[in-house]
């Protein structure tokens, strides 16, 4: 029985080595691609969040309970981008 297994392994060895080599590279490429997509998505989300104008608005209170008395539901969210009630703070 052992001789049969050794014989089969030696017979498939010429196929298994390239197959395992390709599988290792495939796993590596998929992993790198997944990491790249995660980083690109994070950068895109960060850029989108930096477009929120609330902190520069004169109505922004910086209070945890009521961040904006004019538009409290959209304050500090992506919906606040392009807010009609935005007034720049006077310096």
PDB file of N, CA and C in Angstrom:
ATOM      1  N   UNK A   1       0.821  -1.197   0.000  1.00  0.00           N
ATOM      2  CA  UNK A   1       0.000   0.000   0.000  1.00  0.00           C
ATOM      3  C   UNK A   1       0.866   1.262   0.000  1.00  0.00           C
ATOM      4  N   UNK A   2       1.909   1.247   0.817  1.00  0.00           N
ATOM      5  CA  UNK A   2       2.802   2.398   0.890  1.00  0.00           C
ATOM      6  C   UNK A   2       3.507   2.588  -0.448  1.00  0.00           C
ATOM      7  N   UNK A   3       3.895   1.474  -1.074  1.00  0.00           N
ATOM      8  CA  UNK A   3       4.568   1.581  -2.361  1.00  0.00           C
ATOM      9  C   UNK A   3       3.650   2.205  -3.416  1.00  0.00           C
ATOM     10  N   UNK A   4       2.367   1.906  -3.335  1.00  0.00           N
ATOM     11  CA  UNK A   4       1.400   2.472  -4.274  1.00  0.00           C
ATOM     12  C   UNK A   4       1.284   3.988  -4.090  1.00  0.00           C
ATOM     13  N   UNK A   5       1.241   4.427  -2.845  1.00  0.00           N
ATOM     14  CA  UNK A   5       1.147   5.866  -2.559  1.00  0.00           C
ATOM     15  C   UNK A   5       2.401   6.580  -3.047  1.00  0.00           C
ATOM     16  N   UNK A   6       3.574   5.997  -2.783  1.00  0.00           N
ATOM     17  CA  UNK A   6       4.830   6.598  -3.242  1.00  0.00           C
ATOM     18  C   UNK A   6       4.848   6.650  -4.764  1.00  0.00           C
ATOM     19  N   UNK A   7       4.403   5.607  -5.416  1.00  0.00           N
ATOM     20  CA  UNK A   7       4.360   5.570  -6.877  1.00  0.00           C
ATOM     21  C   UNK A   7       3.433   6.658  -7.435  1.00  0.00           C
ATOM     22  N   UNK A   8       2.248   6.828  -6.816  1.00  0.00           N
ATOM     23  CA  UNK A   8       1.304   7.850  -7.271  1.00  0.00           C
ATOM     24  C   UNK A   8       1.848   9.259  -7.052  1.00  0.00           C
ATOM     25  N   UNK A   9       2.492   9.482  -5.912  1.00  0.00           N
ATOM     26  CA  UNK A   9       3.060  10.807  -5.628  1.00  0.00           C
ATOM     27  C   UNK A   9       4.151  11.135  -6.638  1.00  0.00           C
ATOM     28  N   UNK A  10       5.009  10.182  -6.937  1.00  0.00           N
ATOM     29  CA  UNK A  10       6.071  10.421  -7.925  1.00  0.00           C
ATOM     30  C   UNK A  10       5.484  10.650  -9.309  1.00  0.00           C
ATOM     31  N   UNK A  11       4.394   9.984  -9.603  1.00  0.00           N
ATOM     32  CA  UNK A  11       3.746  10.165 -10.902  1.00  0.00           C
ATOM     33  C   UNK A  11       3.116  11.543 -11.043  1.00  0.00           C
ATOM     34  N   UNK A  12       2.503  12.041  -9.969  1.00  0.00           N
ATOM     35  CA  UNK A  12       1.854  13.353 -10.000  1.00  0.00           C
ATOM     36  C   UNK A  12       2.804  14.499  -9.667  1.00  0.00           C
ATOM     37  N   UNK A  13       4.024  14.190  -9.279  1.00  0.00           N
ATOM     38  CA  UNK A  13       4.964  15.216  -8.841  1.00  0.00           C
ATOM     39  C   UNK A  13       5.255  16.228  -9.948  1.00  0.00           C
ATOM     40  N   UNK A  14       5.324  15.775 -11.168  1.00  0.00           N
ATOM     41  CA  UNK A  14       5.606  16.698 -12.269  1.00  0.00           C
ATOM     42  C   UNK A  14       4.445  17.676 -12.492  1.00  0.00           C
ATOM     43  N   UNK A  15       3.263  17.328 -12.044  1.00  0.00           N
ATOM     44  CA  UNK A  15       2.103  18.212 -12.159  1.00  0.00           C
ATOM     45  C   UNK A  15       1.915  19.022 -10.879  1.00  0.00           C
ATOM     46  N   UNK A  16       2.175  18.401  -9.736  1.00  0.00           N
ATOM     47  CA  UNK A  16       1.918  19.057  -8.455  1.00  0.00           C
ATOM     48  C   UNK A  16       2.839  20.246  -8.196  1.00  0.00           C
ATOM     49  N   UNK A  17       4.100  20.149  -8.566  1.00  0.00           N
ATOM     50  CA  UNK A  17       5.045  21.233  -8.288  1.00  0.00           C
ATOM     51  C   UNK A  17       4.630  22.517  -9.010  1.00  0.00           C
ATOM     52  N   UNK A  18       4.381  22.512 -10.322  1.00  0.00           N
ATOM     53  CA  UNK A  18       3.931  23.759 -10.965  1.00  0.00           C
ATOM     54  C   UNK A  18       2.562  24.227 -10.461  1.00  0.00           C
ATOM     55  N   UNK A  19       1.685  23.279 -10.158  1.00  0.00           N
ATOM     56  CA  UNK A  19       0.363  23.636  -9.657  1.00  0.00           C
ATOM     57  C   UNK A  19       0.460  24.336  -8.304  1.00  0.00           C
ATOM     58  N   UNK A  20       1.271  23.811  -7.412  1.00  0.00           N
ATOM     59  CA  UNK A  20       1.467  24.447  -6.102  1.00  0.00           C
ATOM     60  C   UNK A  20       2.147  25.805  -6.250  1.00  0.00           C
ATOM     61  N   UNK A  21       3.088  25.917  -7.173  1.00  0.00           N
ATOM     62  CA  UNK A  21       3.758  27.189  -7.434  1.00  0.00           C
ATOM     63  C   UNK A  21       2.746  28.240  -7.895  1.00  0.00           C
ATOM     64  N   UNK A  22       1.888  27.864  -8.835  1.00  0.00           N
ATOM     65  CA  UNK A  22       0.871  28.792  -9.326  1.00  0.00           C
ATOM     66  C   UNK A  22      -0.142  29.156  -8.243  1.00  0.00           C
ATOM     67  N   UNK A  23      -0.524  28.196  -7.430  1.00  0.00           N
ATOM     68  CA  UNK A  23      -1.472  28.468  -6.347  1.00  0.00           C
ATOM     69  C   UNK A  23      -0.880  29.439  -5.329  1.00  0.00           C
ATOM     70  N   UNK A  24       0.401  29.281  -5.018  1.00  0.00           N
ATOM     71  CA  UNK A  24       1.047  30.192  -4.070  1.00  0.00           C
ATOM     72  C   UNK A  24       1.056  31.614  -4.621  1.00  0.00           C
ATOM     73  N   UNK A  25       1.394  31.768  -5.899  1.00  0.00           N
ATOM     74  CA  UNK A  25       1.390  33.101  -6.503  1.00  0.00           C
ATOM     75  C   UNK A  25      -0.019  33.669  -6.597  1.00  0.00           C
ATOM     76  N   UNK A  26      -0.988  32.835  -6.882  1.00  0.00           N
ATOM     77  CA  UNK A  26      -2.371  33.289  -6.952  1.00  0.00           C
ATOM     78  C   UNK A  26      -2.843  33.806  -5.593  1.00  0.00           C
ATOM     79  N   UNK A  27      -2.523  33.085  -4.548  1.00  0.00           N
ATOM     80  CA  UNK A  27      -2.891  33.524  -3.197  1.00  0.00           C
ATOM     81  C   UNK A  27      -2.213  34.848  -2.866  1.00  0.00           C
ATOM     82  N   UNK A  28      -0.953  34.988  -3.233  1.00  0.00           N
ATOM     83  CA  UNK A  28      -0.221  36.226  -2.975  1.00  0.00           C
ATOM     84  C   UNK A  28      -0.839  37.401  -3.740  1.00  0.00           C
ATOM     85  N   UNK A  29      -1.165  37.200  -5.009  1.00  0.00           N
ATOM     86  CA  UNK A  29      -1.747  38.273  -5.821  1.00  0.00           C
ATOM     87  C   UNK A  29      -3.122  38.675  -5.284  1.00  0.00           C
ATOM     88  N   UNK A  30      -3.931  37.716  -4.912  1.00  0.00           N
ATOM     89  CA  UNK A  30      -5.257  38.022  -4.365  1.00  0.00           C
ATOM     90  C   UNK A  30      -5.134  38.782  -3.047  1.00  0.00           C
ATOM     91  N   UNK A  31      -4.199  38.388  -2.200  1.00  0.00           N
ATOM     92  CA  UNK A  31      -3.993  39.074  -0.926  1.00  0.00           C
ATOM     93  C   UNK A  31      -3.543  40.514  -1.141  1.00  0.00           C
ATOM     94  N   UNK A  32      -2.587  40.719  -2.026  1.00  0.00           N
ATOM     95  CA  UNK A  32      -2.103  42.079  -2.306  1.00  0.00           C
ATOM     96  C   UNK A  32      -3.226  42.919  -2.917  1.00  0.00           C
ATOM     97  N   UNK A  33      -4.006  42.351  -3.804  1.00  0.00           N
ATOM     98  CA  UNK A  33      -5.132  43.076  -4.399  1.00  0.00           C
ATOM     99  C   UNK A  33      -6.177  43.473  -3.371  1.00  0.00           C
ATOM    100  N   UNK A  34      -6.457  42.587  -2.440  1.00  0.00           N
ATOM    101  CA  UNK A  34      -7.421  42.889  -1.389  1.00  0.00           C
ATOM    102  C   UNK A  34      -6.918  44.009  -0.487  1.00  0.00           C
ATOM    103  N   UNK A  35      -5.647  43.951  -0.127  1.00  0.00           N
ATOM    104  CA  UNK A  35      -5.061  45.008   0.707  1.00  0.00           C
ATOM    105  C   UNK A  35      -5.081  46.338  -0.043  1.00  0.00           C
ATOM    106  N   UNK A  36      -4.739  46.322  -1.325  1.00  0.00           N
ATOM    107  CA  UNK A  36      -4.758  47.550  -2.130  1.00  0.00           C
ATOM    108  C   UNK A  36      -6.163  48.145  -2.189  1.00  0.00           C
ATOM    109  N   UNK A  37      -7.175  47.308  -2.418  1.00  0.00           N
ATOM    110  CA  UNK A  37      -8.553  47.795  -2.475  1.00  0.00           C
ATOM    111  C   UNK A  37      -9.000  48.372  -1.139  1.00  0.00           C
ATOM    112  N   UNK A  38      -8.594  47.755  -0.040  1.00  0.00           N
ATOM    113  CA  UNK A  38      -8.958  48.271   1.282  1.00  0.00           C
ATOM    114  C   UNK A  38      -8.324  49.634   1.528  1.00  0.00           C
ATOM    115  N   UNK A  39      -7.063  49.790   1.156  1.00  0.00           N
ATOM    116  CA  UNK A  39      -6.375  51.074   1.340  1.00  0.00           C
ATOM    117  C   UNK A  39      -7.000  52.143   0.446  1.00  0.00           C
ATOM    118  N   UNK A  40      -7.288  51.809  -0.804  1.00  0.00           N
ATOM    119  CA  UNK A  40      -7.896  52.778  -1.724  1.00  0.00           C
ATOM    120  C   UNK A  40      -9.276  53.207  -1.236  1.00  0.00           C
ATOM    121  N   UNK A  41     -10.044  52.276  -0.715  1.00  0.00           N
ATOM    122  CA  UNK A  41     -11.370  52.598  -0.188  1.00  0.00           C
ATOM    123  C   UNK A  41     -11.272  53.504   1.033  1.00  0.00           C
ATOM    124  N   UNK A  42     -10.301  53.236   1.901  1.00  0.00           N
ATOM    125  CA  UNK A  42     -10.110  54.060   3.093  1.00  0.00           C
ATOM    126  C   UNK A  42      -9.701  55.478   2.713  1.00  0.00           C
ATOM    127  N   UNK A  43      -8.812  55.616   1.752  1.00  0.00           N
ATOM    128  CA  UNK A  43      -8.379  56.946   1.306  1.00  0.00           C
ATOM    129  C   UNK A  43      -9.550  57.704   0.684  1.00  0.00           C
ATOM    130  N   UNK A  44     -10.351  57.033  -0.125  1.00  0.00           N
ATOM    131  CA  UNK A  44     -11.514  57.676  -0.740  1.00  0.00           C
ATOM    132  C   UNK A  44     -12.494  58.144   0.332  1.00  0.00           C
ATOM    133  N   UNK A  45     -12.754  57.314   1.324  1.00  0.00           N
ATOM    134  CA  UNK A  45     -13.677  57.678   2.406  1.00  0.00           C
ATOM    135  C   UNK A  45     -13.133  58.854   3.211  1.00  0.00           C
ATOM    136  N   UNK A  46     -11.830  58.873   3.470  1.00  0.00           N
ATOM    137  CA  UNK A  46     -11.230  59.979   4.221  1.00  0.00           C
ATOM    138  C   UNK A  46     -11.338  61.286   3.442  1.00  0.00           C
ATOM    139  N   UNK A  47     -11.105  61.239   2.143  1.00  0.00           N
ATOM    140  CA  UNK A  47     -11.233  62.450   1.326  1.00  0.00           C
ATOM    141  C   UNK A  47     -12.671  62.954   1.325  1.00  0.00           C
ATOM    142  N   UNK A  48     -13.621  62.038   1.287  1.00  0.00           N
ATOM    143  CA  UNK A  48     -15.034  62.423   1.305  1.00  0.00           C
ATOM    144  C   UNK A  48     -15.406  63.055   2.647  1.00  0.00           C
ATOM    145  N   UNK A  49     -14.887  62.519   3.727  1.00  0.00           N
ATOM    146  CA  UNK A  49     -15.196  63.062   5.052  1.00  0.00           C
ATOM    147  C   UNK A  49     -14.585  64.445   5.253  1.00  0.00           C
ATOM    148  N   UNK A  50     -13.472  64.739   4.595  1.00  0.00           N
ATOM    149  CA  UNK A  50     -12.845  66.052   4.724  1.00  0.00           C
ATOM    150  C   UNK A  50     -13.617  67.128   3.965  1.00  0.00           C
ATOM    151  N   UNK A  51     -14.580  66.747   3.150  1.00  0.00           N
ATOM    152  CA  UNK A  51     -15.402  67.714   2.429  1.00  0.00           C
ATOM    153  C   UNK A  51     -16.553  68.247   3.285  1.00  0.00           C
ATOM    154  N   UNK A  52     -16.795  67.640   4.448  1.00  0.00           N
ATOM    155  CA  UNK A  52     -17.897  68.067   5.313  1.00  0.00           C
ATOM    156  C   UNK A  52     -17.554  69.435   5.900  1.00  0.00           C
ATOM    157  N   UNK A  53     -18.383  70.457   5.638  1.00  0.00           N
ATOM    158  CA  UNK A  53     -18.022  71.820   6.016  1.00  0.00           C
ATOM    159  C   UNK A  53     -18.453  72.241   7.421  1.00  0.00           C
ATOM    160  N   UNK A  54     -19.058  71.389   8.192  1.00  0.00           N
ATOM    161  CA  UNK A  54     -19.700  71.789   9.446  1.00  0.00           C
ATOM    162  C   UNK A  54     -18.783  72.540  10.409  1.00  0.00           C
ATOM    163  N   UNK A  55     -17.559  72.105  10.566  1.00  0.00           N
ATOM    164  CA  UNK A  55     -16.695  72.741  11.567  1.00  0.00           C
ATOM    165  C   UNK A  55     -16.334  74.171  11.198  1.00  0.00           C
ATOM    166  N   UNK A  56     -16.489  74.562   9.944  1.00  0.00           N
ATOM    167  CA  UNK A  56     -16.209  75.931   9.535  1.00  0.00           C
ATOM    168  C   UNK A  56     -17.447  76.816   9.497  1.00  0.00           C
ATOM    169  N   UNK A  57     -18.590  76.297   9.923  1.00  0.00           N
ATOM    170  CA  UNK A  57     -19.854  77.037   9.878  1.00  0.00           C
ATOM    171  C   UNK A  57     -20.057  77.806  11.177  1.00  0.00           C
ATOM    172  N   UNK A  58     -20.663  78.983  11.074  1.00  0.00           N
ATOM    173  CA  UNK A  58     -20.872  79.780  12.282  1.00  0.00           C
ATOM    174  C   UNK A  58     -21.955  79.185  13.174  1.00  0.00           C
ATOM    175  N   UNK A  59     -22.806  78.313  12.650  1.00  0.00           N
ATOM    176  CA  UNK A  59     -23.850  77.689  13.456  1.00  0.00           C
ATOM    177  C   UNK A  59     -23.362  76.439  14.193  1.00  0.00           C
ATOM    178  N   UNK A  60     -22.187  75.958  13.870  1.00  0.00           N
ATOM    179  CA  UNK A  60     -21.650  74.747  14.500  1.00  0.00           C
ATOM    180  C   UNK A  60     -21.317  75.046  15.956  1.00  0.00           C
ATOM    181  N   UNK A  61     -21.866  74.239  16.887  1.00  0.00           N
ATOM    182  CA  UNK A  61     -21.706  74.507  18.320  1.00  0.00           C
ATOM    183  C   UNK A  61     -20.612  73.680  18.965  1.00  0.00           C
ATOM    184  N   UNK A  62     -20.180  72.594  18.346  1.00  0.00           N
ATOM    185  CA  UNK A  62     -19.188  71.672  18.914  1.00  0.00           C
ATOM    186  C   UNK A  62     -19.668  71.066  20.232  1.00  0.00           C
ATOM    187  N   UNK A  63     -20.973  70.959  20.393  1.00  0.00           N
ATOM    188  CA  UNK A  63     -21.586  70.349  21.574  1.00  0.00           C
ATOM    189  C   UNK A  63     -22.044  68.940  21.184  1.00  0.00           C
ATOM    190  N   UNK A  64     -21.822  67.975  22.055  1.00  0.00           N
ATOM    191  CA  UNK A  64     -22.193  66.590  21.737  1.00  0.00           C
ATOM    192  C   UNK A  64     -23.698  66.410  21.573  1.00  0.00           C
ATOM    193  N   UNK A  65     -24.483  67.187  22.296  1.00  0.00           N
ATOM    194  CA  UNK A  65     -25.935  67.018  22.246  1.00  0.00           C
ATOM    195  C   UNK A  65     -26.566  67.690  21.031  1.00  0.00           C
ATOM    196  N   UNK A  66     -26.074  68.863  20.663  1.00  0.00           N
ATOM    197  CA  UNK A  66     -26.639  69.594  19.532  1.00  0.00           C
ATOM    198  C   UNK A  66     -25.500  70.229  18.752  1.00  0.00           C
ATOM    199  N   UNK A  67     -25.077  69.554  17.718  1.00  0.00           N
ATOM    200  CA  UNK A  67     -23.930  70.036  16.943  1.00  0.00           C
ATOM    201  C   UNK A  67     -24.298  71.222  16.066  1.00  0.00           C
ATOM    202  N   UNK A  68     -25.527  71.216  15.566  1.00  0.00           N
ATOM    203  CA  UNK A  68     -25.979  72.299  14.690  1.00  0.00           C
ATOM    204  C   UNK A  68     -27.456  72.567  14.977  1.00  0.00           C
ATOM    205  N   UNK A  69     -27.811  73.780  15.425  1.00  0.00           N
ATOM    206  CA  UNK A  69     -29.218  74.065  15.703  1.00  0.00           C
ATOM    207  C   UNK A  69     -30.057  74.246  14.435  1.00  0.00           C
ATOM    208  N   UNK A  70     -29.434  74.508  13.301  1.00  0.00           N
ATOM    209  CA  UNK A  70     -30.175  74.748  12.064  1.00  0.00           C
ATOM    210  C   UNK A  70     -30.514  73.429  11.360  1.00  0.00           C
ATOM    211  N   UNK A  71     -29.533  72.546  11.226  1.00  0.00           N
ATOM    212  CA  UNK A  71     -29.714  71.246  10.558  1.00  0.00           C
ATOM    213  C   UNK A  71     -29.163  70.135  11.459  1.00  0.00           C
ATOM    214  N   UNK A  72     -29.815  69.820  12.566  1.00  0.00           N
ATOM    215  CA  UNK A  72     -29.239  68.846  13.508  1.00  0.00           C
ATOM    216  C   UNK A  72     -29.162  67.415  12.968  1.00  0.00           C
ATOM    217  N   UNK A  73     -30.030  67.045  12.043  1.00  0.00           N
ATOM    218  CA  UNK A  73     -30.029  65.663  11.545  1.00  0.00           C
ATOM    219  C   UNK A  73     -28.877  65.375  10.596  1.00  0.00           C
ATOM    220  N   UNK A  74     -28.385  66.402   9.911  1.00  0.00           N
ATOM    221  CA  UNK A  74     -27.321  66.158   8.937  1.00  0.00           C
ATOM    222  C   UNK A  74     -25.967  66.674   9.398  1.00  0.00           C
ATOM    223  N   UNK A  75     -25.892  67.248  10.582  1.00  0.00           N
ATOM    224  CA  UNK A  75     -24.625  67.812  11.060  1.00  0.00           C
ATOM    225  C   UNK A  75     -23.556  66.730  11.154  1.00  0.00           C
ATOM    226  N   UNK A  76     -22.388  67.032  10.623  1.00  0.00           N
ATOM    227  CA  UNK A  76     -21.218  66.148  10.622  1.00  0.00           C
ATOM    228  C   UNK A  76     -21.455  64.825   9.892  1.00  0.00           C
ATOM    229  N   UNK A  77     -22.347  64.809   8.911  1.00  0.00           N
ATOM    230  CA  UNK A  77     -22.545  63.622   8.077  1.00  0.00           C
ATOM    231  C   UNK A  77     -22.252  63.998   6.628  1.00  0.00           C
ATOM    232  N   UNK A  78     -22.226  63.014   5.757  1.00  0.00           N
ATOM    233  CA  UNK A  78     -21.985  63.287   4.341  1.00  0.00           C
ATOM    234  C   UNK A  78     -23.130  64.073   3.714  1.00  0.00           C
ATOM    235  N   UNK A  79     -24.305  64.031   4.331  1.00  0.00           N
ATOM    236  CA  UNK A  79     -25.434  64.815   3.827  1.00  0.00           C
ATOM    237  C   UNK A  79     -25.198  66.312   3.993  1.00  0.00           C
ATOM    238  N   UNK A  80     -24.278  66.697   4.871  1.00  0.00           N
ATOM    239  CA  UNK A  80     -23.997  68.114   5.112  1.00  0.00           C
ATOM    240  C   UNK A  80     -23.154  68.736   4.003  1.00  0.00           C
ATOM    241  N   UNK A  81     -22.605  67.922   3.122  1.00  0.00           N
ATOM    242  CA  UNK A  81     -21.838  68.470   1.994  1.00  0.00           C
ATOM    243  C   UNK A  81     -22.820  69.209   1.085  1.00  0.00           C
ATOM    244  N   UNK A  82     -22.574  70.485   0.873  1.00  0.00           N
ATOM    245  CA  UNK A  82     -23.479  71.306   0.073  1.00  0.00           C
ATOM    246  C   UNK A  82     -24.673  71.816   0.863  1.00  0.00           C
ATOM    247  N   UNK A  83     -24.559  71.935   2.168  1.00  0.00           N
ATOM    248  CA  UNK A  83     -25.650  72.412   3.024  1.00  0.00           C
ATOM    249  C   UNK A  83     -26.041  73.837   2.616  1.00  0.00           C
ATOM    250  N   UNK A  84     -27.346  74.070   2.465  1.00  0.00           N
ATOM    251  CA  UNK A  84     -27.835  75.384   2.046  1.00  0.00           C
ATOM    252  C   UNK A  84     -27.704  76.420   3.159  1.00  0.00           C
ATOM    253  N   UNK A  85     -27.648  75.979   4.402  1.00  0.00           N
ATOM    254  CA  UNK A  85     -27.592  76.901   5.537  1.00  0.00           C
ATOM    255  C   UNK A  85     -26.174  77.176   6.012  1.00  0.00           C
ATOM    256  N   UNK A  86     -25.181  76.768   5.266  1.00  0.00           N
ATOM    257  CA  UNK A  86     -23.786  76.964   5.672  1.00  0.00           C
ATOM    258  C   UNK A  86     -23.401  78.432   5.567  1.00  0.00           C
ATOM    259  N   UNK A  87     -22.917  78.966   6.671  1.00  0.00           N
ATOM    260  CA  UNK A  87     -22.358  80.318   6.704  1.00  0.00           C
ATOM    261  C   UNK A  87     -20.975  80.203   7.293  1.00  0.00           C
ATOM    262  N   UNK A  88     -20.003  80.717   6.587  1.00  0.00           N
ATOM    263  CA  UNK A  88     -18.626  80.618   7.068  1.00  0.00           C
ATOM    264  C   UNK A  88     -18.457  81.450   8.337  1.00  0.00           C
ATOM    265  N   UNK A  89     -17.643  80.921   9.256  1.00  0.00           N
ATOM    266  CA  UNK A  89     -17.388  81.628  10.518  1.00  0.00           C
ATOM    267  C   UNK A  89     -16.712  82.960  10.246  1.00  0.00           C
ATOM    268  N   UNK A  90     -17.115  83.956  11.014  1.00  0.00           N
ATOM    269  CA  UNK A  90     -16.449  85.256  10.926  1.00  0.00           C
ATOM    270  C   UNK A  90     -15.223  85.215  11.804  1.00  0.00           C
ATOM    271  N   UNK A  91     -14.134  85.728  11.299  1.00  0.00           N
ATOM    272  CA  UNK A  91     -12.881  85.660  12.059  1.00  0.00           C
ATOM    273  C   UNK A  91     -12.622  86.895  12.816  1.00  0.00           C
TER     274      UNK A  91
END
